[in-house]
PDB file of N, CA and C in Angstrom:
ATOM      1  N   MET A   1      -6.478 -24.469  68.970  1.00  0.00           N
ATOM      2  CA  MET A   1      -5.872 -25.583  68.289  1.00  0.00           C
ATOM      3  C   MET A   1      -4.603 -25.109  67.567  1.00  0.00           C
ATOM      4  N   ASN A   2      -3.522 -25.859  67.695  1.00  0.00           N
ATOM      5  CA  ASN A   2      -2.253 -25.486  67.059  1.00  0.00           C
ATOM      6  C   ASN A   2      -2.307 -25.772  65.565  1.00  0.00           C
ATOM      7  N   GLU A   3      -1.728 -24.874  64.810  1.00  0.00           N
ATOM      8  CA  GLU A   3      -1.663 -25.066  63.374  1.00  0.00           C
ATOM      9  C   GLU A   3      -0.291 -25.629  63.014  1.00  0.00           C
ATOM     10  N   GLU A   4      -0.264 -26.516  62.053  1.00  0.00           N
ATOM     11  CA  GLU A   4       0.985 -27.142  61.628  1.00  0.00           C
ATOM     12  C   GLU A   4       1.812 -26.146  60.817  1.00  0.00           C
ATOM     13  N   THR A   5       3.052 -25.895  61.272  1.00  0.00           N
ATOM     14  CA  THR A   5       3.931 -24.965  60.565  1.00  0.00           C
ATOM     15  C   THR A   5       5.190 -25.697  60.125  1.00  0.00           C
ATOM     16  N   PRO A   6       5.674 -25.438  58.919  1.00  0.00           N
ATOM     17  CA  PRO A   6       6.902 -26.090  58.458  1.00  0.00           C
ATOM     18  C   PRO A   6       8.122 -25.549  59.203  1.00  0.00           C
ATOM     19  N   LEU A   7       8.984 -26.460  59.668  1.00  0.00           N
ATOM     20  CA  LEU A   7      10.208 -26.074  60.367  1.00  0.00           C
ATOM     21  C   LEU A   7      11.445 -26.245  59.489  1.00  0.00           C
ATOM     22  N   TRP A   8      11.463 -27.330  58.704  1.00  0.00           N
ATOM     23  CA  TRP A   8      12.635 -27.622  57.873  1.00  0.00           C
ATOM     24  C   TRP A   8      12.206 -28.498  56.712  1.00  0.00           C
ATOM     25  N   LYS A   9      12.839 -28.291  55.566  1.00  0.00           N
ATOM     26  CA  LYS A   9      12.574 -29.090  54.380  1.00  0.00           C
ATOM     27  C   LYS A   9      13.892 -29.265  53.648  1.00  0.00           C
ATOM     28  N   GLY A  10      14.247 -30.490  53.295  1.00  0.00           N
ATOM     29  CA  GLY A  10      15.512 -30.704  52.614  1.00  0.00           C
ATOM     30  C   GLY A  10      15.591 -32.072  51.975  1.00  0.00           C
ATOM     31  N   SER A  11      16.673 -32.273  51.258  1.00  0.00           N
ATOM     32  CA  SER A  11      16.917 -33.549  50.598  1.00  0.00           C
ATOM     33  C   SER A  11      18.387 -33.912  50.778  1.00  0.00           C
ATOM     34  N   PRO A  12      18.721 -35.197  50.630  1.00  0.00           N
ATOM     35  CA  PRO A  12      20.111 -35.604  50.809  1.00  0.00           C
ATOM     36  C   PRO A  12      21.007 -35.082  49.685  1.00  0.00           C
ATOM     37  N   SER A  13      22.281 -35.042  49.970  1.00  0.00           N
ATOM     38  CA  SER A  13      23.268 -34.552  49.014  1.00  0.00           C
ATOM     39  C   SER A  13      23.675 -35.666  48.051  1.00  0.00           C
ATOM     40  N   GLN A  14      24.120 -35.273  46.879  1.00  0.00           N
ATOM     41  CA  GLN A  14      24.620 -36.254  45.917  1.00  0.00           C
ATOM     42  C   GLN A  14      25.967 -36.833  46.340  1.00  0.00           C
ATOM     43  N   TRP A  15      26.546 -36.331  47.421  1.00  0.00           N
ATOM     44  CA  TRP A  15      27.770 -36.932  47.951  1.00  0.00           C
ATOM     45  C   TRP A  15      27.530 -38.380  48.346  1.00  0.00           C
ATOM     46  N   LEU A  16      26.283 -38.742  48.594  1.00  0.00           N
ATOM     47  CA  LEU A  16      25.953 -40.137  48.886  1.00  0.00           C
ATOM     48  C   LEU A  16      26.292 -41.045  47.713  1.00  0.00           C
ATOM     49  N   ASN A  17      26.317 -40.490  46.520  1.00  0.00           N
ATOM     50  CA  ASN A  17      26.595 -41.261  45.313  1.00  0.00           C
ATOM     51  C   ASN A  17      28.062 -41.225  44.902  1.00  0.00           C
ATOM     52  N   LEU A  18      28.936 -40.744  45.747  1.00  0.00           N
ATOM     53  CA  LEU A  18      30.351 -40.651  45.373  1.00  0.00           C
ATOM     54  C   LEU A  18      30.926 -42.020  45.011  1.00  0.00           C
ATOM     55  N   GLY A  19      30.620 -43.024  45.796  1.00  0.00           N
ATOM     56  CA  GLY A  19      31.100 -44.382  45.509  1.00  0.00           C
ATOM     57  C   GLY A  19      30.586 -44.913  44.182  1.00  0.00           C
ATOM     58  N   PRO A  20      29.261 -44.917  43.966  1.00  0.00           N
ATOM     59  CA  PRO A  20      28.753 -45.383  42.670  1.00  0.00           C
ATOM     60  C   PRO A  20      29.227 -44.540  41.486  1.00  0.00           C
ATOM     61  N   PHE A  21      29.338 -43.213  41.660  1.00  0.00           N
ATOM     62  CA  PHE A  21      29.833 -42.375  40.570  1.00  0.00           C
ATOM     63  C   PHE A  21      31.281 -42.739  40.225  1.00  0.00           C
ATOM     64  N   SER A  22      32.102 -42.955  41.242  1.00  0.00           N
ATOM     65  CA  SER A  22      33.499 -43.335  41.013  1.00  0.00           C
ATOM     66  C   SER A  22      33.585 -44.695  40.339  1.00  0.00           C
ATOM     67  N   LEU A  23      32.751 -45.632  40.785  1.00  0.00           N
ATOM     68  CA  LEU A  23      32.737 -46.962  40.184  1.00  0.00           C
ATOM     69  C   LEU A  23      32.327 -46.892  38.717  1.00  0.00           C
ATOM     70  N   CYS A  24      31.337 -46.083  38.394  1.00  0.00           N
ATOM     71  CA  CYS A  24      30.908 -45.932  37.001  1.00  0.00           C
ATOM     72  C   CYS A  24      32.004 -45.301  36.150  1.00  0.00           C
ATOM     73  N   LEU A  25      32.713 -44.339  36.705  1.00  0.00           N
ATOM     74  CA  LEU A  25      33.809 -43.716  35.967  1.00  0.00           C
ATOM     75  C   LEU A  25      34.913 -44.730  35.673  1.00  0.00           C
ATOM     76  N   LEU A  26      35.285 -45.513  36.681  1.00  0.00           N
ATOM     77  CA  LEU A  26      36.312 -46.537  36.472  1.00  0.00           C
ATOM     78  C   LEU A  26      35.846 -47.594  35.476  1.00  0.00           C
ATOM     79  N   LEU A  27      34.586 -47.976  35.565  1.00  0.00           N
ATOM     80  CA  LEU A  27      34.040 -48.959  34.636  1.00  0.00           C
ATOM     81  C   LEU A  27      34.027 -48.419  33.210  1.00  0.00           C
ATOM     82  N   ALA A  28      33.662 -47.158  33.038  1.00  0.00           N
ATOM     83  CA  ALA A  28      33.651 -46.548  31.706  1.00  0.00           C
ATOM     84  C   ALA A  28      35.067 -46.461  31.138  1.00  0.00           C
ATOM     85  N   ILE A  29      36.028 -46.104  31.977  1.00  0.00           N
ATOM     86  CA  ILE A  29      37.430 -46.058  31.523  1.00  0.00           C
ATOM     87  C   ILE A  29      37.893 -47.449  31.113  1.00  0.00           C
ATOM     88  N   GLY A  30      37.536 -48.453  31.903  1.00  0.00           N
ATOM     89  CA  GLY A  30      37.897 -49.835  31.564  1.00  0.00           C
ATOM     90  C   GLY A  30      37.263 -50.295  30.266  1.00  0.00           C
ATOM     91  N   ILE A  31      36.023 -49.923  30.023  1.00  0.00           N
ATOM     92  CA  ILE A  31      35.349 -50.307  28.778  1.00  0.00           C
ATOM     93  C   ILE A  31      36.014 -49.640  27.582  1.00  0.00           C
ATOM     94  N   VAL A  32      36.372 -48.367  27.717  1.00  0.00           N
ATOM     95  CA  VAL A  32      37.034 -47.661  26.612  1.00  0.00           C
ATOM     96  C   VAL A  32      38.406 -48.269  26.337  1.00  0.00           C
ATOM     97  N   ILE A  33      39.160 -48.583  27.376  1.00  0.00           N
ATOM     98  CA  ILE A  33      40.482 -49.208  27.182  1.00  0.00           C
ATOM     99  C   ILE A  33      40.332 -50.575  26.534  1.00  0.00           C
ATOM    100  N   ALA A  34      39.348 -51.355  26.980  1.00  0.00           N
ATOM    101  CA  ALA A  34      39.111 -52.671  26.368  1.00  0.00           C
ATOM    102  C   ALA A  34      38.709 -52.537  24.907  1.00  0.00           C
ATOM    103  N   ALA A  35      37.953 -51.509  24.569  1.00  0.00           N
ATOM    104  CA  ALA A  35      37.548 -51.300  23.179  1.00  0.00           C
ATOM    105  C   ALA A  35      38.737 -50.915  22.310  1.00  0.00           C
ATOM    106  N   ILE A  36      39.638 -50.110  22.856  1.00  0.00           N
ATOM    107  CA  ILE A  36      40.830 -49.706  22.097  1.00  0.00           C
ATOM    108  C   ILE A  36      41.728 -50.910  21.842  1.00  0.00           C
ATOM    109  N   LEU A  37      41.865 -51.762  22.846  1.00  0.00           N
ATOM    110  CA  LEU A  37      42.749 -52.917  22.717  1.00  0.00           C
ATOM    111  C   LEU A  37      42.137 -54.051  21.902  1.00  0.00           C
ATOM    112  N   SER A  38      40.811 -54.159  21.862  1.00  0.00           N
ATOM    113  CA  SER A  38      40.186 -55.305  21.197  1.00  0.00           C
ATOM    114  C   SER A  38      39.846 -55.062  19.730  1.00  0.00           C
ATOM    115  N   GLY A  39      39.887 -53.845  19.278  1.00  0.00           N
ATOM    116  CA  GLY A  39      39.591 -53.589  17.870  1.00  0.00           C
ATOM    117  C   GLY A  39      38.357 -52.730  17.692  1.00  0.00           C
ATOM    118  N   PRO A  40      37.946 -52.569  16.444  1.00  0.00           N
ATOM    119  CA  PRO A  40      36.834 -51.651  16.140  1.00  0.00           C
ATOM    120  C   PRO A  40      35.457 -52.294  16.371  1.00  0.00           C
ATOM    121  N   LEU A  41      35.019 -52.317  17.593  1.00  0.00           N
ATOM    122  CA  LEU A  41      33.689 -52.825  17.940  1.00  0.00           C
ATOM    123  C   LEU A  41      32.856 -51.691  18.535  1.00  0.00           C
ATOM    124  N   LEU A  42      32.764 -50.587  17.816  1.00  0.00           N
ATOM    125  CA  LEU A  42      32.134 -49.377  18.343  1.00  0.00           C
ATOM    126  C   LEU A  42      30.688 -49.576  18.802  1.00  0.00           C
ATOM    127  N   PRO A  43      29.817 -50.272  18.057  1.00  0.00           N
ATOM    128  CA  PRO A  43      28.443 -50.440  18.558  1.00  0.00           C
ATOM    129  C   PRO A  43      28.384 -51.192  19.890  1.00  0.00           C
ATOM    130  N   LEU A  44      29.219 -52.198  20.046  1.00  0.00           N
ATOM    131  CA  LEU A  44      29.241 -52.934  21.313  1.00  0.00           C
ATOM    132  C   LEU A  44      29.800 -52.082  22.442  1.00  0.00           C
ATOM    133  N   VAL A  45      30.767 -51.240  22.135  1.00  0.00           N
ATOM    134  CA  VAL A  45      31.337 -50.357  23.150  1.00  0.00           C
ATOM    135  C   VAL A  45      30.295 -49.342  23.608  1.00  0.00           C
ATOM    136  N   LEU A  46      29.555 -48.776  22.659  1.00  0.00           N
ATOM    137  CA  LEU A  46      28.508 -47.827  23.033  1.00  0.00           C
ATOM    138  C   LEU A  46      27.426 -48.495  23.869  1.00  0.00           C
ATOM    139  N   LEU A  47      27.091 -49.733  23.541  1.00  0.00           N
ATOM    140  CA  LEU A  47      26.115 -50.471  24.337  1.00  0.00           C
ATOM    141  C   LEU A  47      26.669 -50.753  25.728  1.00  0.00           C
ATOM    142  N   ALA A  48      27.929 -51.132  25.804  1.00  0.00           N
ATOM    143  CA  ALA A  48      28.548 -51.402  27.106  1.00  0.00           C
ATOM    144  C   ALA A  48      28.669 -50.122  27.935  1.00  0.00           C
ATOM    145  N   LEU A  49      28.911 -48.991  27.297  1.00  0.00           N
ATOM    146  CA  LEU A  49      28.988 -47.721  28.028  1.00  0.00           C
ATOM    147  C   LEU A  49      27.616 -47.254  28.505  1.00  0.00           C
ATOM    148  N   ALA A  50      26.565 -47.698  27.836  1.00  0.00           N
ATOM    149  CA  ALA A  50      25.215 -47.293  28.234  1.00  0.00           C
ATOM    150  C   ALA A  50      24.809 -47.921  29.562  1.00  0.00           C
ATOM    151  N   ILE A  51      25.322 -49.097  29.868  1.00  0.00           N
ATOM    152  CA  ILE A  51      24.929 -49.791  31.101  1.00  0.00           C
ATOM    153  C   ILE A  51      25.339 -49.002  32.345  1.00  0.00           C
ATOM    154  N   PRO A  52      26.614 -48.609  32.510  1.00  0.00           N
ATOM    155  CA  PRO A  52      26.935 -47.808  33.701  1.00  0.00           C
ATOM    156  C   PRO A  52      26.285 -46.422  33.677  1.00  0.00           C
ATOM    157  N   LEU A  53      26.057 -45.880  32.482  1.00  0.00           N
ATOM    158  CA  LEU A  53      25.415 -44.569  32.389  1.00  0.00           C
ATOM    159  C   LEU A  53      23.967 -44.627  32.886  1.00  0.00           C
ATOM    160  N   VAL A  54      23.240 -45.667  32.502  1.00  0.00           N
ATOM    161  CA  VAL A  54      21.854 -45.822  32.960  1.00  0.00           C
ATOM    162  C   VAL A  54      21.826 -46.022  34.472  1.00  0.00           C
ATOM    163  N   TRP A  55      22.739 -46.841  34.997  1.00  0.00           N
ATOM    164  CA  TRP A  55      22.791 -47.075  36.444  1.00  0.00           C
ATOM    165  C   TRP A  55      23.137 -45.778  37.183  1.00  0.00           C
ATOM    166  N   LEU A  56      24.045 -45.004  36.619  1.00  0.00           N
ATOM    167  CA  LEU A  56      24.436 -43.726  37.210  1.00  0.00           C
ATOM    168  C   LEU A  56      23.251 -42.752  37.257  1.00  0.00           C
ATOM    169  N   ILE A  57      22.511 -42.665  36.177  1.00  0.00           N
ATOM    170  CA  ILE A  57      21.335 -41.790  36.142  1.00  0.00           C
ATOM    171  C   ILE A  57      20.290 -42.260  37.147  1.00  0.00           C
ATOM    172  N   TRP A  58      20.101 -43.575  37.254  1.00  0.00           N
ATOM    173  CA  TRP A  58      19.129 -44.114  38.211  1.00  0.00           C
ATOM    174  C   TRP A  58      19.521 -43.759  39.645  1.00  0.00           C
ATOM    175  N   ARG A  59      20.797 -43.928  39.989  1.00  0.00           N
ATOM    176  CA  ARG A  59      21.257 -43.592  41.342  1.00  0.00           C
ATOM    177  C   ARG A  59      21.069 -42.102  41.631  1.00  0.00           C
ATOM    178  N   TYR A  60      21.345 -41.259  40.654  1.00  0.00           N
ATOM    179  CA  TYR A  60      21.140 -39.820  40.810  1.00  0.00           C
ATOM    180  C   TYR A  60      19.671 -39.519  41.099  1.00  0.00           C
ATOM    181  N   LEU A  61      18.784 -40.129  40.332  1.00  0.00           N
ATOM    182  CA  LEU A  61      17.353 -39.872  40.502  1.00  0.00           C
ATOM    183  C   LEU A  61      16.825 -40.391  41.833  1.00  0.00           C
ATOM    184  N   VAL A  62      17.366 -41.509  42.313  1.00  0.00           N
ATOM    185  CA  VAL A  62      16.926 -42.051  43.605  1.00  0.00           C
ATOM    186  C   VAL A  62      17.229 -41.059  44.720  1.00  0.00           C
ATOM    187  N   VAL A  63      18.438 -40.527  44.745  1.00  0.00           N
ATOM    188  CA  VAL A  63      18.804 -39.564  45.788  1.00  0.00           C
ATOM    189  C   VAL A  63      18.058 -38.247  45.582  1.00  0.00           C
ATOM    190  N   ARG A  64      17.917 -37.824  44.341  1.00  0.00           N
ATOM    191  CA  ARG A  64      17.252 -36.549  44.040  1.00  0.00           C
ATOM    192  C   ARG A  64      15.767 -36.567  44.404  1.00  0.00           C
ATOM    193  N   SER A  65      15.159 -37.748  44.368  1.00  0.00           N
ATOM    194  CA  SER A  65      13.716 -37.824  44.615  1.00  0.00           C
ATOM    195  C   SER A  65      13.366 -37.966  46.092  1.00  0.00           C
ATOM    196  N   GLN A  66      14.349 -38.029  46.971  1.00  0.00           N
ATOM    197  CA  GLN A  66      14.068 -38.112  48.404  1.00  0.00           C
ATOM    198  C   GLN A  66      13.862 -36.707  48.962  1.00  0.00           C
ATOM    199  N   LEU A  67      12.850 -36.572  49.807  1.00  0.00           N
ATOM    200  CA  LEU A  67      12.545 -35.283  50.413  1.00  0.00           C
ATOM    201  C   LEU A  67      12.147 -35.503  51.863  1.00  0.00           C
ATOM    202  N   PHE A  68      12.726 -34.713  52.750  1.00  0.00           N
ATOM    203  CA  PHE A  68      12.410 -34.771  54.176  1.00  0.00           C
ATOM    204  C   PHE A  68      11.749 -33.458  54.564  1.00  0.00           C
ATOM    205  N   GLU A  69      10.603 -33.547  55.237  1.00  0.00           N
ATOM    206  CA  GLU A  69       9.886 -32.357  55.700  1.00  0.00           C
ATOM    207  C   GLU A  69       9.603 -32.509  57.188  1.00  0.00           C
ATOM    208  N   LEU A  70      10.033 -31.530  57.960  1.00  0.00           N
ATOM    209  CA  LEU A  70       9.769 -31.511  59.391  1.00  0.00           C
ATOM    210  C   LEU A  70       8.839 -30.344  59.676  1.00  0.00           C
ATOM    211  N   THR A  71       7.697 -30.644  60.280  1.00  0.00           N
ATOM    212  CA  THR A  71       6.751 -29.604  60.663  1.00  0.00           C
ATOM    213  C   THR A  71       6.595 -29.644  62.176  1.00  0.00           C
ATOM    214  N   SER A  72       5.812 -28.760  62.693  1.00  0.00           N
ATOM    215  CA  SER A  72       5.588 -28.731  64.138  1.00  0.00           C
ATOM    216  C   SER A  72       4.784 -29.935  64.610  1.00  0.00           C
ATOM    217  N   GLU A  73       4.144 -30.647  63.691  1.00  0.00           N
ATOM    218  CA  GLU A  73       3.295 -31.782  64.053  1.00  0.00           C
ATOM    219  C   GLU A  73       3.876 -33.130  63.656  1.00  0.00           C
ATOM    220  N   ARG A  74       4.648 -33.194  62.559  1.00  0.00           N
ATOM    221  CA  ARG A  74       5.059 -34.497  62.036  1.00  0.00           C
ATOM    222  C   ARG A  74       6.342 -34.413  61.218  1.00  0.00           C
ATOM    223  N   LEU A  75       6.934 -35.591  60.999  1.00  0.00           N
ATOM    224  CA  LEU A  75       8.068 -35.759  60.092  1.00  0.00           C
ATOM    225  C   LEU A  75       7.554 -36.540  58.891  1.00  0.00           C
ATOM    226  N   ARG A  76       7.794 -36.011  57.706  1.00  0.00           N
ATOM    227  CA  ARG A  76       7.303 -36.627  56.480  1.00  0.00           C
ATOM    228  C   ARG A  76       8.503 -36.931  55.587  1.00  0.00           C
ATOM    229  N   VAL A  77       8.598 -38.183  55.103  1.00  0.00           N
ATOM    230  CA  VAL A  77       9.666 -38.608  54.201  1.00  0.00           C
ATOM    231  C   VAL A  77       9.018 -39.051  52.894  1.00  0.00           C
ATOM    232  N   THR A  78       9.399 -38.398  51.806  1.00  0.00           N
ATOM    233  CA  THR A  78       8.867 -38.727  50.483  1.00  0.00           C
ATOM    234  C   THR A  78       9.980 -39.360  49.661  1.00  0.00           C
ATOM    235  N   THR A  79       9.703 -40.534  49.096  1.00  0.00           N
ATOM    236  CA  THR A  79      10.672 -41.237  48.255  1.00  0.00           C
ATOM    237  C   THR A  79       9.969 -41.744  47.003  1.00  0.00           C
ATOM    238  N   GLY A  80      10.746 -42.111  46.016  1.00  0.00           N
ATOM    239  CA  GLY A  80      10.201 -42.726  44.816  1.00  0.00           C
ATOM    240  C   GLY A  80      10.437 -41.905  43.573  1.00  0.00           C
ATOM    241  N   ILE A  81      10.770 -42.591  42.503  1.00  0.00           N
ATOM    242  CA  ILE A  81      11.012 -41.927  41.228  1.00  0.00           C
ATOM    243  C   ILE A  81       9.745 -41.969  40.379  1.00  0.00           C
ATOM    244  N   ILE A  82       9.232 -43.153  40.149  1.00  0.00           N
ATOM    245  CA  ILE A  82       8.033 -43.300  39.327  1.00  0.00           C
ATOM    246  C   ILE A  82       6.782 -43.205  40.194  1.00  0.00           C
ATOM    247  N   ASN A  83       6.757 -43.966  41.280  1.00  0.00           N
ATOM    248  CA  ASN A  83       5.649 -43.917  42.234  1.00  0.00           C
ATOM    249  C   ASN A  83       6.155 -43.281  43.513  1.00  0.00           C
ATOM    250  N   GLN A  84       5.544 -42.196  43.923  1.00  0.00           N
ATOM    251  CA  GLN A  84       5.965 -41.551  45.166  1.00  0.00           C
ATOM    252  C   GLN A  84       5.349 -42.258  46.357  1.00  0.00           C
ATOM    253  N   HIS A  85       6.159 -42.430  47.390  1.00  0.00           N
ATOM    254  CA  HIS A  85       5.719 -43.057  48.631  1.00  0.00           C
ATOM    255  C   HIS A  85       5.993 -42.066  49.759  1.00  0.00           C
ATOM    256  N   ILE A  86       4.986 -41.784  50.561  1.00  0.00           N
ATOM    257  CA  ILE A  86       5.118 -40.816  51.647  1.00  0.00           C
ATOM    258  C   ILE A  86       4.960 -41.540  52.975  1.00  0.00           C
ATOM    259  N   ASP A  87       5.976 -41.437  53.831  1.00  0.00           N
ATOM    260  CA  ASP A  87       5.925 -41.973  55.188  1.00  0.00           C
ATOM    261  C   ASP A  87       5.836 -40.799  56.147  1.00  0.00           C
ATOM    262  N   GLU A  88       4.948 -40.917  57.122  1.00  0.00           N
ATOM    263  CA  GLU A  88       4.783 -39.856  58.115  1.00  0.00           C
ATOM    264  C   GLU A  88       4.830 -40.456  59.509  1.00  0.00           C
ATOM    265  N   VAL A  89       5.398 -39.709  60.433  1.00  0.00           N
ATOM    266  CA  VAL A  89       5.318 -40.059  61.842  1.00  0.00           C
ATOM    267  C   VAL A  89       4.970 -38.775  62.589  1.00  0.00           C
ATOM    268  N   GLU A  90       3.977 -38.880  63.439  1.00  0.00           N
ATOM    269  CA  GLU A  90       3.585 -37.717  64.225  1.00  0.00           C
ATOM    270  C   GLU A  90       4.568 -37.548  65.372  1.00  0.00           C
ATOM    271  N   LEU A  91       4.942 -36.315  65.642  1.00  0.00           N
ATOM    272  CA  LEU A  91       6.012 -36.052  66.599  1.00  0.00           C
ATOM    273  C   LEU A  91       5.632 -36.388  68.034  1.00  0.00           C
ATOM    274  N   TYR A  92       4.364 -36.410  68.359  1.00  0.00           N
ATOM    275  CA  TYR A  92       4.001 -36.753  69.729  1.00  0.00           C
ATOM    276  C   TYR A  92       4.293 -38.225  70.014  1.00  0.00           C
ATOM    277  N   ARG A  93       4.499 -39.040  68.969  1.00  0.00           N
ATOM    278  CA  ARG A  93       4.843 -40.453  69.148  1.00  0.00           C
ATOM    279  C   ARG A  93       6.344 -40.653  69.379  1.00  0.00           C
ATOM    280  N   VAL A  94       7.146 -39.655  69.054  1.00  0.00           N
ATOM    281  CA  VAL A  94       8.597 -39.755  69.208  1.00  0.00           C
ATOM    282  C   VAL A  94       8.951 -39.436  70.653  1.00  0.00           C
ATOM    283  N   LYS A  95       9.643 -40.372  71.317  1.00  0.00           N
ATOM    284  CA  LYS A  95       9.972 -40.201  72.730  1.00  0.00           C
ATOM    285  C   LYS A  95      11.306 -39.480  72.934  1.00  0.00           C
ATOM    286  N   ASP A  96      12.263 -39.709  72.039  1.00  0.00           N
ATOM    287  CA  ASP A  96      13.590 -39.130  72.203  1.00  0.00           C
ATOM    288  C   ASP A  96      14.118 -38.750  70.823  1.00  0.00           C
ATOM    289  N   SER A  97      14.711 -37.575  70.723  1.00  0.00           N
ATOM    290  CA  SER A  97      15.247 -37.149  69.437  1.00  0.00           C
ATOM    291  C   SER A  97      16.470 -36.269  69.656  1.00  0.00           C
ATOM    292  N   LEU A  98      17.311 -36.198  68.626  1.00  0.00           N
ATOM    293  CA  LEU A  98      18.510 -35.373  68.654  1.00  0.00           C
ATOM    294  C   LEU A  98      18.696 -34.812  67.254  1.00  0.00           C
ATOM    295  N   MET A  99      18.943 -33.522  67.155  1.00  0.00           N
ATOM    296  CA  MET A  99      19.146 -32.884  65.859  1.00  0.00           C
ATOM    297  C   MET A  99      20.504 -32.205  65.851  1.00  0.00           C
ATOM    298  N   LYS A 100      21.353 -32.581  64.882  1.00  0.00           N
ATOM    299  CA  LYS A 100      22.681 -31.986  64.736  1.00  0.00           C
ATOM    300  C   LYS A 100      22.763 -31.311  63.388  1.00  0.00           C
ATOM    301  N   ARG A 101      23.545 -30.248  63.317  1.00  0.00           N
ATOM    302  CA  ARG A 101      23.789 -29.569  62.049  1.00  0.00           C
ATOM    303  C   ARG A 101      25.247 -29.617  61.740  1.00  0.00           C
TER     304      ARG A 101
END
């Protein structure tokens, strides 16, 4: 009987978040400029800056929590920040595949 051996294990890069990170940076710059032009509303500015920061942290955690594992028997994809969800497909069910590096 064949034993299952790990072939590859990895996770996606944070480059996937380049768009959202850039959008959050532009939004934060816009909020700071609006605060400078509108007067001393520091508590509201800090609250407004917290919104893109929380979204940015969430996007980081979503990508960071993804894990791909390829073994000799199956492909396993793990996702989830609070609740982990594991999807598996056995390789004998896959009819055609291509792997590029």
